[in-house]
Amino acid sequence: MSKLIDSRLIGRTIKTLRLSRSWTQQYVADTVGYTVRNLRRIENEGTSSIDVVNMFADAFDVSALDILNGCF
């Protein structure tokens, strides 16, 4: 049985991680090489790109699997 990726959960998890560290959107956007506008879109609408998930996992020093599963 396969599990579908919940892109909105990914966005909420990224936002939760950012807020738990008191990081600004500008700081995270700069860290991953995105614009603040793109980060806002990801936080609000999510993403289904594993490459993007991996980029944020590296920035937050967590596993991509934790982001995919919303473990925060």
Protein backbone atom coordinates (compact mmCIF):
# COMPACT_ATOMS: atom_id res chain seq x y z
CA MET A 1 0.00 0.00 0.00
CA SER A 2 1.45 3.37 -1.00
CA LYS A 3 1.04 6.61 0.87
CA LEU A 4 0.38 9.81 -1.06
CA ILE A 5 2.46 12.86 -0.32
CA ASP A 6 0.46 15.54 1.49
CA SER A 7 1.99 18.69 0.03
CA ARG A 8 0.12 21.01 2.41
CA LEU A 9 1.41 19.02 5.40
CA ILE A 10 4.93 19.58 4.10
CA GLY A 11 4.31 23.32 3.93
CA ARG A 12 2.86 23.42 7.44
CA THR A 13 5.80 21.41 8.74
CA ILE A 14 8.32 23.76 7.14
CA LYS A 15 6.52 26.72 8.69
CA THR A 16 6.41 25.00 12.09
CA LEU A 17 10.13 24.28 11.92
CA ARG A 18 10.89 27.88 10.96
CA LEU A 19 8.76 29.33 13.75
CA SER A 20 10.10 26.90 16.37
CA ARG A 21 13.57 28.26 15.68
CA SER A 22 12.37 31.89 15.55
CA TRP A 23 13.81 32.18 12.05
CA THR A 24 12.44 34.82 9.72
CA GLN A 25 11.14 33.96 6.28
CA GLN A 26 13.97 36.06 4.87
CA TYR A 27 16.59 34.01 6.75
CA VAL A 28 15.17 30.67 5.58
CA ALA A 29 14.71 31.90 2.02
CA ASP A 30 18.33 33.08 1.92
CA THR A 31 19.53 29.80 3.43
CA VAL A 32 17.86 27.63 0.78
CA GLY A 33 18.36 30.08 -2.09
CA TYR A 34 14.70 31.01 -2.59
CA THR A 35 12.85 34.29 -2.55
CA VAL A 36 10.58 35.11 0.37
CA ARG A 37 7.68 34.95 -2.07
CA ASN A 38 8.55 31.35 -3.00
CA LEU A 39 8.95 30.39 0.66
CA ARG A 40 5.54 31.86 1.49
CA ARG A 41 4.00 29.86 -1.35
CA ILE A 42 5.59 26.66 -0.07
CA GLU A 43 4.50 27.33 3.52
CA ASN A 44 0.92 28.06 2.42
CA GLU A 45 0.40 25.69 -0.51
CA GLY A 46 3.08 23.07 0.12
CA THR A 47 5.24 21.18 -2.33
CA SER A 48 5.49 17.66 -3.64
CA SER A 49 9.08 17.99 -4.85
CA ILE A 50 11.45 15.71 -2.96
CA ASP A 51 14.34 17.95 -4.00
CA VAL A 52 12.70 20.89 -2.23
CA VAL A 53 11.97 18.75 0.83
CA ASN A 54 15.62 17.67 0.94
CA MET A 55 16.78 21.29 0.69
CA PHE A 56 14.65 22.29 3.67
CA ALA A 57 15.66 19.17 5.61
CA ASP A 58 19.30 20.19 5.20
CA ALA A 59 18.56 23.78 6.24
CA PHE A 60 16.72 22.66 9.38
CA ASP A 61 19.09 19.75 10.07
CA VAL A 62 16.26 17.20 10.17
CA SER A 63 15.43 14.21 8.00
CA ALA A 64 13.36 14.58 4.86
CA LEU A 65 11.19 11.74 6.14
CA ASP A 66 10.30 13.78 9.23
CA ILE A 67 9.19 16.66 7.02
CA LEU A 68 7.18 14.33 4.79
CA ASN A 69 5.45 12.85 7.82
CA GLY A 70 4.90 16.16 9.63
CA CYS A 71 6.75 14.97 12.74
CA PHE A 72 7.10 18.42 14.34
